[in-house]
């Protein structure tokens, strides 16, 4: 598989590793981006890169809780200027309400639902919104919780939207908001360490062993010692990637799990985090490369 200079640039942005090392990684892995990330990690050149974190589109991620229903949605547009406009923000909020009110199964089903405050469907409303807002609009994804208690959080005006779902018999607004802010900041891959699959653990063990084998001092150690070190590194992996095992950002001497338990004990109730979703606008999408000099030259008839 061939790769381009843009692929090298993208890998560098994902891993913060130098251009030459990124080029070598892509060469060694035949242009496979995900394998190149793992190759760099095995060589000790990169930390775990978020493969889904290739932010490359504009729009807004928004979280709504209304009448016992929680929704988080991502809607994309073409420019950052549009994403900040009142018309676009209002459109995103209306879409979130339509999801909350209609309980569609997916985006296709949502298009056939009634648009909030009108007799038209979302699909019938879209052309008018595209005309009035002035850009192409895409409803990309959403999640809806109707059970338990949901708490939403929107970061940086819509860069990140988080929805946390909690089972509780007490008011969980404050702790839900704190946990949602933690998720926005640290982007845990899993809810709890019990969710980490065997193939993920196997890959982490492989990387840890490869790093030790590349270090002459570590490579000479007995296999049993290496295994012990690897298990210790897995504990660190849980702390970095699993929400319940992460250090609570507002009190980093305890984990999120212990903090939730302490709050539940203090208020005399039961609190369990049942799930969460974190949408970062544009993650995994490719952004159009703009060549403004070329466009101007073309308009002037010089290209």
Protein backbone atom coordinates (compact mmCIF):
# COMPACT_ATOMS: atom_id res chain seq x y z
CA UNK A 1 0.00 0.00 0.00
CA UNK A 2 1.52 3.33 -1.06
CA UNK A 3 1.44 6.37 1.19
CA UNK A 4 1.76 10.11 0.64
CA UNK A 5 3.29 13.10 2.38
CA UNK A 6 -0.17 13.85 3.78
CA UNK A 7 -0.18 10.39 5.42
CA UNK A 8 3.18 11.16 7.04
CA UNK A 9 1.81 14.51 8.25
CA UNK A 10 -1.30 12.85 9.65
CA UNK A 11 0.73 10.21 11.50
CA UNK A 12 2.93 12.93 12.98
CA UNK A 13 -0.15 14.82 14.22
CA UNK A 14 -1.53 11.63 15.77
CA UNK A 15 1.65 10.62 17.57
CA UNK A 16 3.85 13.75 17.98
CA UNK A 17 6.74 11.75 16.49
CA UNK A 18 9.26 13.23 14.01
CA UNK A 19 8.61 13.17 10.28
CA UNK A 20 11.44 10.75 9.44
CA UNK A 21 10.33 8.23 12.06
CA UNK A 22 6.74 8.51 10.81
CA UNK A 23 7.89 7.91 7.25
CA UNK A 24 9.88 4.86 8.36
CA UNK A 25 6.89 3.51 10.31
CA UNK A 26 4.65 3.78 7.24
CA UNK A 27 7.32 2.15 5.11
CA UNK A 28 7.69 -0.75 7.54
CA UNK A 29 3.90 -1.26 7.75
CA UNK A 30 3.19 -0.84 4.03
CA UNK A 31 1.26 2.40 4.57
CA UNK A 32 -1.19 1.01 7.16
CA UNK A 33 -1.89 3.94 9.53
CA UNK A 34 -3.04 1.89 12.54
CA UNK A 35 -0.13 -0.55 12.25
CA UNK A 36 2.26 2.39 11.90
CA UNK A 37 1.00 3.78 15.21
CA UNK A 38 1.61 0.43 16.92
CA UNK A 39 5.07 0.17 15.25
CA UNK A 40 6.03 3.55 16.72
CA UNK A 41 4.73 2.51 20.13
CA UNK A 42 6.71 -0.72 20.05
CA UNK A 43 9.84 1.29 19.29
CA UNK A 44 9.12 3.52 22.25
CA UNK A 45 8.62 6.56 20.03
CA UNK A 46 4.95 7.20 20.70
CA UNK A 47 2.42 6.84 23.47
CA UNK A 48 -0.99 5.34 22.75
CA UNK A 49 -2.49 7.40 19.95
CA UNK A 50 -6.24 7.79 19.76
CA UNK A 51 -6.94 6.26 16.39
CA UNK A 52 -10.35 7.86 16.29
CA UNK A 53 -9.00 11.28 17.17
CA UNK A 54 -8.29 12.59 13.67
CA UNK A 55 -10.24 15.81 14.12
CA UNK A 56 -10.97 17.18 10.67
CA UNK A 57 -14.47 18.70 10.35
CA UNK A 58 -16.52 21.56 11.73
CA UNK A 59 -19.85 21.61 13.51
CA UNK A 60 -21.11 21.03 17.02
CA UNK A 61 -21.52 18.26 19.56
CA UNK A 62 -24.37 18.95 21.94
CA UNK A 63 -25.89 17.24 24.99
CA UNK A 64 -29.48 17.71 26.14
CA UNK A 65 -31.46 16.37 29.11
CA UNK A 66 -35.21 16.97 29.03
CA UNK A 67 -38.21 15.26 30.62
CA UNK A 68 -36.10 12.37 31.88
CA UNK A 69 -34.45 11.77 28.48
CA UNK A 70 -30.77 12.35 27.69
CA UNK A 71 -29.39 12.98 24.20
CA UNK A 72 -25.94 13.67 22.78
CA UNK A 73 -25.70 14.50 19.08
CA UNK A 74 -23.11 15.63 16.54
CA UNK A 75 -24.08 17.78 13.57
CA UNK A 76 -21.48 18.84 11.01
CA UNK A 77 -21.17 21.89 8.80
CA UNK A 78 -18.42 23.17 6.52
CA UNK A 79 -16.76 26.03 8.41
CA UNK A 80 -15.94 27.10 11.95
CA UNK A 81 -17.64 30.43 11.24
CA UNK A 82 -20.91 28.63 10.51
CA UNK A 83 -20.55 26.38 13.59
CA UNK A 84 -20.58 29.46 15.82
CA UNK A 85 -23.58 31.13 14.16
CA UNK A 86 -26.87 31.48 16.03
CA UNK A 87 -28.81 29.80 13.21
CA UNK A 88 -26.62 26.70 13.23
CA UNK A 89 -26.55 26.39 17.04
CA UNK A 90 -30.35 26.67 17.13
CA UNK A 91 -30.61 23.99 14.44
CA UNK A 92 -28.44 21.58 16.44
CA UNK A 93 -30.53 22.16 19.58
CA UNK A 94 -33.74 21.54 17.60
CA UNK A 95 -32.31 18.27 16.28
CA UNK A 96 -31.46 17.19 19.85
CA UNK A 97 -35.06 17.94 20.90
CA UNK A 98 -36.42 15.97 17.93
CA UNK A 99 -34.34 12.98 19.03
CA UNK A 100 -35.54 13.30 22.62
CA UNK A 101 -39.20 13.60 21.58
CA UNK A 102 -39.32 10.90 18.88
CA UNK A 103 -36.87 8.17 19.95
CA UNK A 104 -35.57 7.35 16.43
CA UNK A 105 -33.51 4.17 15.98
CA UNK A 106 -30.83 5.83 13.84
CA UNK A 107 -30.12 8.88 11.67
CA UNK A 108 -32.20 7.51 8.78
CA UNK A 109 -35.19 7.09 11.10
CA UNK A 110 -34.60 10.57 12.53
CA UNK A 111 -34.99 12.07 9.05
CA UNK A 112 -38.60 10.83 9.03
CA UNK A 113 -39.40 12.29 12.47
CA UNK A 114 -41.20 15.57 13.03
CA UNK A 115 -38.93 18.60 13.26
CA UNK A 116 -39.53 20.39 16.56
CA UNK A 117 -42.24 23.06 16.38
CA UNK A 118 -43.34 22.25 12.81
CA UNK A 119 -45.52 19.82 10.89
CA UNK A 120 -42.61 18.93 8.60
CA UNK A 121 -40.18 16.04 8.95
CA UNK A 122 -36.48 16.60 9.61
CA UNK A 123 -35.82 15.53 6.01
CA UNK A 124 -38.30 18.09 4.65
CA UNK A 125 -36.80 20.82 6.85
CA UNK A 126 -33.17 20.19 5.90
CA UNK A 127 -33.19 21.94 2.46
CA UNK A 128 -34.58 25.14 4.00
CA UNK A 129 -31.97 25.01 6.79
CA UNK A 130 -29.17 24.50 4.26
CA UNK A 131 -30.40 27.56 2.36
CA UNK A 132 -30.81 29.80 5.42
CA UNK A 133 -27.58 28.71 7.13
CA UNK A 134 -25.67 28.72 3.85
CA UNK A 135 -23.69 25.50 4.16
CA UNK A 136 -24.06 21.78 3.69
CA UNK A 137 -25.36 20.19 6.89
CA UNK A 138 -24.99 16.59 8.05
CA UNK A 139 -26.51 14.95 11.13
CA UNK A 140 -23.75 12.49 11.85
CA UNK A 141 -24.63 10.50 14.99
CA UNK A 142 -26.54 10.53 18.25
CA UNK A 143 -27.26 8.52 21.40
CA UNK A 144 -30.44 8.64 23.47
CA UNK A 145 -30.97 7.42 27.06
CA UNK A 146 -34.52 7.14 28.40
CA UNK A 147 -33.71 5.00 31.45
CA UNK A 148 -32.14 6.10 34.75
CA UNK A 149 -30.81 9.66 35.10
CA UNK A 150 -28.76 11.35 32.40
CA UNK A 151 -26.45 14.35 32.86
CA UNK A 152 -25.08 16.24 29.88
CA UNK A 153 -22.05 18.49 29.48
CA UNK A 154 -20.95 20.60 26.51
CA UNK A 155 -17.32 21.72 26.37
CA UNK A 156 -15.87 24.70 24.50
CA UNK A 157 -19.08 25.72 22.79
CA UNK A 158 -19.66 22.36 21.18
CA UNK A 159 -16.19 20.96 20.58
CA UNK A 160 -17.09 18.04 22.86
CA UNK A 161 -20.46 16.77 24.03
CA UNK A 162 -20.72 14.22 26.85
CA UNK A 163 -23.71 12.30 28.17
CA UNK A 164 -23.44 10.26 31.39
CA UNK A 165 -26.15 7.83 32.46
CA UNK A 166 -26.47 7.02 36.17
CA UNK A 167 -28.71 4.69 38.17
CA UNK A 168 -29.42 6.42 41.49
CA UNK A 169 -32.06 7.09 44.11
CA UNK A 170 -30.61 10.51 44.98
CA UNK A 171 -29.88 13.74 43.10
CA UNK A 172 -26.82 13.09 40.90
CA UNK A 173 -26.67 16.37 39.01
CA UNK A 174 -23.40 17.55 40.57
CA UNK A 175 -21.52 14.25 40.49
CA UNK A 176 -22.82 13.58 36.98
CA UNK A 177 -21.49 16.94 35.80
CA UNK A 178 -18.11 16.31 37.43
CA UNK A 179 -17.82 12.88 35.84
CA UNK A 180 -18.89 14.28 32.46
CA UNK A 181 -16.19 16.95 32.70
CA UNK A 182 -13.65 14.23 33.50
CA UNK A 183 -14.72 12.27 30.43
CA UNK A 184 -14.43 15.40 28.28
CA UNK A 185 -10.92 16.11 29.56
CA UNK A 186 -9.39 12.61 29.67
CA UNK A 187 -11.39 10.72 27.03
CA UNK A 188 -11.42 7.26 28.64
CA UNK A 189 -11.65 4.43 26.16
CA UNK A 190 -13.65 2.16 28.47
CA UNK A 191 -16.18 2.59 31.27
CA UNK A 192 -14.57 0.00 33.56
CA UNK A 193 -11.57 -2.36 33.38
CA UNK A 194 -14.00 -5.28 33.06
CA UNK A 195 -14.77 -3.98 29.56
CA UNK A 196 -11.18 -4.28 28.33
CA UNK A 197 -11.09 -7.20 25.91
CA UNK A 198 -8.46 -9.91 25.73
CA UNK A 199 -7.22 -8.76 22.33
CA UNK A 200 -6.61 -5.25 23.70
CA UNK A 201 -4.68 -6.69 26.66
CA UNK A 202 -2.68 -8.95 24.34
CA UNK A 203 -1.68 -5.96 22.21
CA UNK A 204 -0.61 -3.97 25.28
CA UNK A 205 1.45 -6.92 26.55
CA UNK A 206 3.10 -7.24 23.13
CA UNK A 207 4.03 -3.56 23.11
CA UNK A 208 5.37 -3.67 26.69
CA UNK A 209 7.53 -6.73 25.94
CA UNK A 210 8.82 -5.20 22.70
CA UNK A 211 9.88 -2.08 24.60
CA UNK A 212 11.74 -4.16 27.18
CA UNK A 213 13.44 -6.25 24.51
CA UNK A 214 14.69 -3.05 22.85
CA UNK A 215 16.39 -2.01 26.11
CA UNK A 216 19.61 -4.04 26.70
CA UNK A 217 19.24 -3.81 30.50
CA UNK A 218 15.65 -5.01 30.46
CA UNK A 219 16.14 -7.61 27.73
CA UNK A 220 18.57 -9.54 29.97
CA UNK A 221 16.05 -9.94 32.79
CA UNK A 222 14.33 -13.33 33.37
CA UNK A 223 10.97 -13.85 31.68
CA UNK A 224 9.20 -14.08 35.06
CA UNK A 225 10.49 -10.63 35.98
CA UNK A 226 9.38 -9.27 32.62
CA UNK A 227 5.91 -10.71 33.13
CA UNK A 228 5.65 -8.97 36.50
CA UNK A 229 6.65 -5.67 34.95
CA UNK A 230 4.11 -6.16 32.17
CA UNK A 231 1.32 -6.78 34.69
CA UNK A 232 2.30 -3.58 36.45
CA UNK A 233 2.06 -1.71 33.16
CA UNK A 234 -1.41 -3.15 32.58
CA UNK A 235 -2.48 -1.65 35.90
CA UNK A 236 -1.27 1.70 34.60
CA UNK A 237 -3.18 1.09 31.36
CA UNK A 238 -6.41 0.67 33.33
CA UNK A 239 -5.75 3.90 35.22
CA UNK A 240 -5.27 5.82 31.98
CA UNK A 241 -8.00 4.27 29.81
CA UNK A 242 -10.85 3.16 32.12
CA UNK A 243 -13.12 5.82 33.62
CA UNK A 244 -13.78 4.09 36.95
CA UNK A 245 -10.07 3.43 37.52
CA UNK A 246 -8.91 6.92 36.52
CA UNK A 247 -7.83 9.38 39.20
CA UNK A 248 -10.73 11.74 39.86
CA UNK A 249 -9.65 15.09 38.40
CA UNK A 250 -11.02 17.18 41.28
CA UNK A 251 -9.38 14.98 43.92
CA UNK A 252 -6.66 12.96 42.23
CA UNK A 253 -5.77 10.91 45.31
CA UNK A 254 -8.83 8.74 44.74
CA UNK A 255 -10.25 6.98 41.69
CA UNK A 256 -13.58 7.89 40.09
CA UNK A 257 -14.93 4.59 41.41
CA UNK A 258 -13.99 5.43 45.01
CA UNK A 259 -15.23 9.00 44.69
CA UNK A 260 -18.66 7.84 43.48
CA UNK A 261 -18.84 5.35 46.35
CA UNK A 262 -17.89 8.06 48.87
CA UNK A 263 -20.55 10.47 47.57
CA UNK A 264 -23.19 7.73 47.66
CA UNK A 265 -22.28 6.93 51.26
CA UNK A 266 -22.34 10.61 52.23
CA UNK A 267 -25.85 11.19 50.84
CA UNK A 268 -27.14 7.83 52.03
CA UNK A 269 -28.08 6.51 48.62
CA UNK A 270 -26.88 4.32 45.79
CA UNK A 271 -25.14 5.67 42.68
CA UNK A 272 -23.94 3.61 39.74
CA UNK A 273 -22.55 4.92 36.46
CA UNK A 274 -24.27 2.81 33.82
CA UNK A 275 -22.62 4.23 30.72
CA UNK A 276 -21.41 7.32 28.88
CA UNK A 277 -20.83 8.69 25.41
CA UNK A 278 -18.33 11.35 24.36
CA UNK A 279 -18.65 12.98 20.93
CA UNK A 280 -15.80 15.19 19.76
CA UNK A 281 -16.84 17.10 16.68
CA UNK A 282 -15.24 15.90 13.48
CA UNK A 283 -13.32 12.96 14.95
CA UNK A 284 -12.59 10.42 12.24
CA UNK A 285 -13.62 12.77 9.43
CA UNK A 286 -11.33 14.21 6.79
CA UNK A 287 -11.28 17.98 6.47
CA UNK A 288 -11.19 19.52 3.02
CA UNK A 289 -7.72 20.86 2.24
CA UNK A 290 -8.09 24.50 1.20
CA UNK A 291 -5.64 26.01 -1.27
CA UNK A 292 -6.57 29.69 -1.04
CA UNK A 293 -3.71 30.91 -3.24
CA UNK A 294 -4.76 28.46 -5.92
CA UNK A 295 -8.41 29.53 -5.67
CA UNK A 296 -7.53 33.20 -6.03
CA UNK A 297 -5.24 32.48 -8.96
CA UNK A 298 -8.01 30.48 -10.61
CA UNK A 299 -10.51 33.33 -10.17
CA UNK A 300 -8.01 35.76 -11.70
CA UNK A 301 -7.50 33.45 -14.66
CA UNK A 302 -3.89 32.72 -13.74
CA UNK A 303 -4.25 29.02 -13.05
